């Protein structure tokens, strides 16, 4: 699948919930089931908050996506109360449910850089 776009619910604040909506387009039939990951990375690239799930609240596994279909996929990430106030990277991608191998993108990366978020207390 290809991410066509995304939305977040504002800048986010430490200890609050960040909502992320991903818009996927299925490029072909997927015979393997993939899980989506959305990770908040600190300046050292460490995962500080995350959500991993079957798309659309577990109701639309990638094996059910039809070529050309647009899938709207919403995630909520609880931001820990002990996060330092700094800039974070929000990334997303897909990985195989069976072996945890990430799906490679045409450019060779295994995730998409969505945006940067400046978290405040």
N, C-alpha and C. Protein backbone atom coordinates (compact mmCIF):
# COMPACT_ATOMS: atom_id res chain seq x y z
N UNK A 1 0.82 -1.20 0.00
CA UNK A 1 0.00 0.00 0.00
C UNK A 1 0.86 1.25 0.00
N UNK A 2 0.29 2.32 -0.48
CA UNK A 2 0.95 3.62 -0.53
C UNK A 2 0.21 4.57 0.40
N UNK A 3 0.94 5.34 1.21
CA UNK A 3 0.30 6.38 2.01
C UNK A 3 0.07 7.59 1.12
N UNK A 4 -1.21 7.94 0.93
CA UNK A 4 -1.55 9.11 0.13
C UNK A 4 -1.41 10.38 0.95
N UNK A 5 -1.68 10.27 2.25
CA UNK A 5 -1.60 11.44 3.10
C UNK A 5 -1.87 11.06 4.54
N UNK A 6 -1.86 12.07 5.40
CA UNK A 6 -2.08 11.83 6.82
C UNK A 6 -2.61 13.11 7.45
N UNK A 7 -3.17 12.99 8.63
CA UNK A 7 -3.58 14.13 9.44
C UNK A 7 -3.25 13.82 10.89
N UNK A 8 -2.92 14.84 11.65
CA UNK A 8 -2.77 14.68 13.10
C UNK A 8 -3.68 15.69 13.77
N UNK A 9 -4.01 15.43 15.03
CA UNK A 9 -4.91 16.32 15.74
C UNK A 9 -4.15 17.43 16.45
N UNK A 10 -3.49 18.27 15.69
CA UNK A 10 -2.76 19.38 16.29
C UNK A 10 -1.34 18.97 16.65
N UNK A 11 -0.72 19.73 17.54
CA UNK A 11 0.69 19.55 17.86
C UNK A 11 0.93 18.45 18.88
N UNK A 12 -0.06 18.15 19.70
CA UNK A 12 0.14 17.15 20.73
C UNK A 12 0.78 17.76 21.97
N UNK A 13 0.54 17.16 23.09
CA UNK A 13 1.12 17.62 24.34
C UNK A 13 1.49 16.40 25.17
N UNK A 14 2.53 16.55 25.95
CA UNK A 14 3.03 15.47 26.78
C UNK A 14 1.91 15.00 27.72
N UNK A 15 1.72 13.68 27.81
CA UNK A 15 0.69 13.12 28.65
C UNK A 15 -0.68 13.06 28.01
N UNK A 16 -0.82 13.59 26.81
CA UNK A 16 -2.11 13.59 26.10
C UNK A 16 -2.11 12.50 25.03
N UNK A 17 -3.17 12.49 24.24
CA UNK A 17 -3.30 11.51 23.16
C UNK A 17 -3.15 12.22 21.82
N UNK A 18 -2.33 11.65 20.95
CA UNK A 18 -2.15 12.17 19.60
C UNK A 18 -2.91 11.27 18.64
N UNK A 19 -3.84 11.83 17.90
CA UNK A 19 -4.58 11.05 16.91
C UNK A 19 -3.93 11.24 15.54
N UNK A 20 -3.74 10.12 14.84
CA UNK A 20 -3.11 10.14 13.52
C UNK A 20 -4.02 9.39 12.56
N UNK A 21 -4.39 10.04 11.46
CA UNK A 21 -5.18 9.39 10.41
C UNK A 21 -4.29 9.18 9.20
N UNK A 22 -4.19 7.93 8.75
CA UNK A 22 -3.43 7.59 7.55
C UNK A 22 -4.41 7.26 6.43
N UNK A 23 -4.11 7.71 5.23
CA UNK A 23 -4.91 7.39 4.05
C UNK A 23 -4.05 6.52 3.14
N UNK A 24 -4.41 5.25 3.05
CA UNK A 24 -3.68 4.28 2.25
C UNK A 24 -4.37 4.07 0.90
N UNK A 25 -3.58 3.78 -0.13
CA UNK A 25 -4.13 3.30 -1.40
C UNK A 25 -3.51 1.94 -1.67
N UNK A 26 -4.37 0.96 -1.84
CA UNK A 26 -3.89 -0.39 -2.16
C UNK A 26 -3.41 -0.39 -3.61
N UNK A 27 -2.19 -0.84 -3.82
CA UNK A 27 -1.62 -0.86 -5.17
C UNK A 27 -1.86 -2.19 -5.86
N UNK A 28 -2.01 -3.24 -5.08
CA UNK A 28 -2.20 -4.58 -5.63
C UNK A 28 -2.79 -5.46 -4.54
N UNK A 29 -3.22 -6.65 -4.94
CA UNK A 29 -3.68 -7.61 -3.92
C UNK A 29 -2.51 -7.98 -3.03
N UNK A 30 -2.73 -7.96 -1.72
CA UNK A 30 -1.69 -8.37 -0.78
C UNK A 30 -2.07 -9.73 -0.22
N UNK A 31 -1.20 -10.71 -0.46
CA UNK A 31 -1.50 -12.06 0.03
C UNK A 31 -1.09 -12.24 1.49
N UNK A 32 -0.20 -11.35 1.97
CA UNK A 32 0.23 -11.42 3.37
C UNK A 32 -0.49 -10.36 4.18
N UNK A 33 -0.74 -10.68 5.45
CA UNK A 33 -1.35 -9.71 6.35
C UNK A 33 -0.26 -8.85 6.98
N UNK A 34 -0.41 -7.53 6.84
CA UNK A 34 0.55 -6.60 7.41
C UNK A 34 -0.10 -5.81 8.55
N UNK A 35 0.71 -5.52 9.56
CA UNK A 35 0.29 -4.61 10.61
C UNK A 35 0.89 -3.24 10.32
N UNK A 36 0.19 -2.21 10.77
CA UNK A 36 0.68 -0.84 10.64
C UNK A 36 1.40 -0.47 11.92
N UNK A 37 2.51 0.25 11.78
CA UNK A 37 3.12 0.85 12.97
C UNK A 37 3.18 2.36 12.78
N UNK A 38 2.91 3.07 13.86
CA UNK A 38 3.09 4.51 13.92
C UNK A 38 3.97 4.76 15.14
N UNK A 39 5.15 5.31 14.91
CA UNK A 39 6.13 5.50 15.98
C UNK A 39 6.47 6.98 16.14
N UNK A 40 6.61 7.39 17.38
CA UNK A 40 7.12 8.72 17.72
C UNK A 40 8.58 8.52 18.13
N UNK A 41 9.50 9.09 17.34
CA UNK A 41 10.93 8.90 17.57
C UNK A 41 11.54 10.16 18.16
N UNK A 42 12.43 9.96 19.15
CA UNK A 42 13.12 11.12 19.71
C UNK A 42 14.30 11.49 18.81
N UNK A 43 15.09 12.47 19.27
CA UNK A 43 16.17 12.98 18.43
C UNK A 43 17.30 11.97 18.24
N UNK A 44 17.30 10.91 19.05
CA UNK A 44 18.29 9.83 18.87
C UNK A 44 17.73 8.67 18.06
N UNK A 45 16.49 8.81 17.56
CA UNK A 45 15.87 7.75 16.77
C UNK A 45 15.24 6.65 17.60
N UNK A 46 15.14 6.87 18.92
CA UNK A 46 14.53 5.88 19.80
C UNK A 46 13.01 6.02 19.79
N UNK A 47 12.29 4.90 19.81
CA UNK A 47 10.83 4.93 19.86
C UNK A 47 10.41 5.34 21.27
N UNK A 48 9.65 6.43 21.37
CA UNK A 48 9.21 6.93 22.68
C UNK A 48 7.72 6.71 22.90
N UNK A 49 6.97 6.52 21.82
CA UNK A 49 5.54 6.19 21.91
C UNK A 49 5.19 5.51 20.60
N UNK A 50 4.22 4.58 20.66
CA UNK A 50 3.92 3.85 19.43
C UNK A 50 2.54 3.20 19.50
N UNK A 51 2.06 2.84 18.33
CA UNK A 51 0.89 1.99 18.21
C UNK A 51 1.15 1.07 17.03
N UNK A 52 0.80 -0.20 17.19
CA UNK A 52 0.92 -1.20 16.13
C UNK A 52 -0.41 -1.94 16.07
N UNK A 53 -0.98 -2.08 14.88
CA UNK A 53 -2.29 -2.72 14.80
C UNK A 53 -2.62 -3.13 13.38
N UNK A 54 -3.56 -4.07 13.28
CA UNK A 54 -4.19 -4.39 11.99
C UNK A 54 -4.99 -3.14 11.59
N UNK A 55 -4.95 -2.74 10.31
CA UNK A 55 -5.61 -1.50 9.89
C UNK A 55 -7.10 -1.41 10.27
N UNK A 56 -7.53 -0.17 10.43
CA UNK A 56 -8.92 0.21 10.68
C UNK A 56 -9.50 -0.57 11.88
N UNK A 57 -8.79 -0.41 13.01
CA UNK A 57 -9.26 -1.02 14.26
C UNK A 57 -9.48 -2.52 14.11
N UNK A 58 -8.54 -3.17 13.41
CA UNK A 58 -8.52 -4.63 13.19
C UNK A 58 -9.66 -5.12 12.28
N UNK A 59 -10.35 -4.22 11.59
CA UNK A 59 -11.47 -4.66 10.74
C UNK A 59 -11.10 -4.77 9.26
N UNK A 60 -9.93 -4.21 8.85
CA UNK A 60 -9.56 -4.23 7.44
C UNK A 60 -8.13 -4.71 7.27
N UNK A 61 -7.89 -6.02 7.50
CA UNK A 61 -6.54 -6.53 7.25
C UNK A 61 -6.13 -6.24 5.81
N UNK A 62 -4.83 -6.10 5.59
CA UNK A 62 -4.36 -5.75 4.24
C UNK A 62 -4.75 -6.78 3.20
N UNK A 63 -5.01 -8.02 3.63
CA UNK A 63 -5.43 -9.06 2.67
C UNK A 63 -6.82 -8.77 2.10
N UNK A 64 -7.57 -7.84 2.74
CA UNK A 64 -8.91 -7.50 2.24
C UNK A 64 -8.90 -6.25 1.37
N UNK A 65 -7.75 -5.58 1.22
CA UNK A 65 -7.68 -4.36 0.43
C UNK A 65 -7.81 -4.70 -1.05
N UNK A 66 -8.57 -3.91 -1.77
CA UNK A 66 -8.75 -4.10 -3.21
C UNK A 66 -7.85 -3.12 -3.96
N UNK A 67 -7.25 -3.54 -5.07
CA UNK A 67 -6.38 -2.64 -5.84
C UNK A 67 -7.10 -1.33 -6.16
N UNK A 68 -6.44 -0.21 -5.86
CA UNK A 68 -7.00 1.11 -6.12
C UNK A 68 -7.87 1.64 -5.00
N UNK A 69 -8.19 0.82 -4.02
CA UNK A 69 -9.05 1.25 -2.92
C UNK A 69 -8.31 2.22 -2.00
N UNK A 70 -9.05 3.21 -1.48
CA UNK A 70 -8.52 4.12 -0.47
C UNK A 70 -9.03 3.65 0.89
N UNK A 71 -8.10 3.45 1.83
CA UNK A 71 -8.44 2.98 3.17
C UNK A 71 -8.08 4.08 4.17
N UNK A 72 -9.07 4.54 4.94
CA UNK A 72 -8.86 5.54 5.98
C UNK A 72 -8.62 4.82 7.30
N UNK A 73 -7.48 5.11 7.93
CA UNK A 73 -6.97 4.31 9.03
C UNK A 73 -6.57 5.25 10.18
N UNK A 74 -7.25 5.16 11.33
CA UNK A 74 -7.05 6.10 12.43
C UNK A 74 -6.38 5.40 13.62
N UNK A 75 -5.37 6.07 14.18
CA UNK A 75 -4.64 5.55 15.35
C UNK A 75 -4.57 6.63 16.42
N UNK A 76 -4.56 6.20 17.67
CA UNK A 76 -4.32 7.13 18.77
C UNK A 76 -3.10 6.65 19.54
N UNK A 77 -2.20 7.59 19.81
CA UNK A 77 -0.97 7.30 20.53
C UNK A 77 -0.99 8.06 21.84
N UNK A 78 -0.88 7.33 22.93
CA UNK A 78 -0.79 7.96 24.26
C UNK A 78 0.64 8.45 24.45
N UNK A 79 0.78 9.75 24.66
CA UNK A 79 2.11 10.33 24.84
C UNK A 79 2.50 10.26 26.32
N UNK A 80 3.60 9.58 26.64
CA UNK A 80 4.00 9.42 28.04
C UNK A 80 4.19 10.76 28.75
N UNK A 81 3.95 10.74 30.05
CA UNK A 81 4.09 11.96 30.84
C UNK A 81 5.55 12.33 31.08
N UNK A 82 6.48 11.38 30.85
CA UNK A 82 7.89 11.66 31.13
C UNK A 82 8.69 12.03 29.88
N UNK A 83 8.00 12.37 28.78
CA UNK A 83 8.72 12.77 27.57
C UNK A 83 9.34 14.15 27.76
N UNK A 84 10.61 14.32 27.37
CA UNK A 84 11.18 15.67 27.37
C UNK A 84 10.47 16.53 26.32
N UNK A 85 10.35 17.81 26.61
CA UNK A 85 9.76 18.75 25.65
C UNK A 85 10.82 19.02 24.58
N UNK A 86 10.65 18.42 23.40
CA UNK A 86 11.58 18.61 22.30
C UNK A 86 10.88 18.24 21.00
N UNK A 87 11.61 18.22 19.91
CA UNK A 87 11.04 17.87 18.62
C UNK A 87 11.15 16.36 18.40
N UNK A 88 10.08 15.77 17.91
CA UNK A 88 10.01 14.34 17.64
C UNK A 88 9.65 14.12 16.18
N UNK A 89 10.00 12.94 15.65
CA UNK A 89 9.62 12.54 14.30
C UNK A 89 8.50 11.53 14.40
N UNK A 90 7.49 11.70 13.57
CA UNK A 90 6.39 10.76 13.49
C UNK A 90 6.56 9.96 12.20
N UNK A 91 6.68 8.64 12.35
CA UNK A 91 6.91 7.77 11.19
C UNK A 91 5.86 6.65 11.18
N UNK A 92 5.65 6.08 10.01
CA UNK A 92 4.68 4.98 9.88
C UNK A 92 5.17 4.00 8.84
N UNK A 93 4.62 2.80 8.90
CA UNK A 93 4.96 1.79 7.91
C UNK A 93 4.17 0.52 8.14
N UNK A 94 4.52 -0.50 7.40
CA UNK A 94 3.84 -1.79 7.47
C UNK A 94 4.86 -2.89 7.76
N UNK A 95 4.45 -3.91 8.51
CA UNK A 95 5.31 -5.07 8.69
C UNK A 95 4.47 -6.34 8.68
N UNK A 96 5.09 -7.44 8.24
CA UNK A 96 4.38 -8.71 8.15
C UNK A 96 4.05 -9.21 9.54
N UNK A 97 2.81 -9.63 9.70
CA UNK A 97 2.35 -10.09 10.99
C UNK A 97 3.08 -11.34 11.45
N UNK A 98 3.43 -12.21 10.53
CA UNK A 98 4.03 -13.50 10.90
C UNK A 98 5.48 -13.40 11.36
N UNK A 99 6.27 -12.57 10.67
CA UNK A 99 7.71 -12.56 10.97
C UNK A 99 8.26 -11.19 11.33
N UNK A 100 7.38 -10.18 11.45
CA UNK A 100 7.78 -8.83 11.84
C UNK A 100 8.74 -8.15 10.87
N UNK A 101 8.82 -8.64 9.63
CA UNK A 101 9.68 -8.00 8.63
C UNK A 101 8.93 -6.82 8.02
N UNK A 102 9.60 -5.66 8.04
CA UNK A 102 8.97 -4.44 7.51
C UNK A 102 8.91 -4.47 5.98
N UNK A 103 7.85 -3.91 5.45
CA UNK A 103 7.68 -3.78 4.00
C UNK A 103 8.59 -2.66 3.51
N UNK A 104 9.41 -2.98 2.51
CA UNK A 104 10.32 -1.98 1.94
C UNK A 104 9.56 -1.09 0.95
N UNK A 105 9.88 0.19 0.97
CA UNK A 105 9.33 1.14 0.02
C UNK A 105 10.20 1.15 -1.24
N UNK A 106 9.67 1.70 -2.34
CA UNK A 106 10.47 1.75 -3.57
C UNK A 106 11.83 2.42 -3.38
N UNK A 107 11.92 3.39 -2.44
CA UNK A 107 13.20 4.09 -2.22
C UNK A 107 14.13 3.32 -1.28
N UNK A 108 13.71 2.13 -0.84
CA UNK A 108 14.55 1.30 0.01
C UNK A 108 14.31 1.47 1.50
N UNK A 109 13.61 2.53 1.89
CA UNK A 109 13.30 2.74 3.31
C UNK A 109 12.23 1.75 3.77
N UNK A 110 12.17 1.54 5.09
CA UNK A 110 11.15 0.65 5.62
C UNK A 110 10.09 1.40 6.43
N UNK A 111 10.07 2.73 6.29
CA UNK A 111 9.05 3.55 6.93
C UNK A 111 8.89 4.85 6.16
N UNK A 112 7.81 5.56 6.47
CA UNK A 112 7.53 6.85 5.86
C UNK A 112 7.67 7.91 6.94
N UNK A 113 8.40 8.97 6.63
CA UNK A 113 8.49 10.11 7.55
C UNK A 113 7.23 10.96 7.35
N UNK A 114 6.38 11.01 8.36
CA UNK A 114 5.14 11.78 8.25
C UNK A 114 5.37 13.26 8.54
N UNK A 115 5.89 13.55 9.73
CA UNK A 115 6.06 14.95 10.11
C UNK A 115 6.95 15.02 11.34
N UNK A 116 7.29 16.23 11.73
CA UNK A 116 7.93 16.45 13.02
C UNK A 116 6.93 17.14 13.93
N UNK A 117 7.04 16.85 15.20
CA UNK A 117 6.11 17.38 16.19
C UNK A 117 6.92 17.97 17.33
N UNK A 118 6.64 19.23 17.66
CA UNK A 118 7.26 19.85 18.82
C UNK A 118 6.34 19.65 20.00
N UNK A 119 6.76 18.80 20.93
CA UNK A 119 5.92 18.52 22.10
C UNK A 119 6.23 19.50 23.21
N UNK A 120 5.16 19.97 23.82
CA UNK A 120 5.28 20.89 24.94
C UNK A 120 4.64 20.24 26.17
N UNK A 121 5.04 20.68 27.35
CA UNK A 121 4.44 20.13 28.58
C UNK A 121 2.94 20.39 28.64
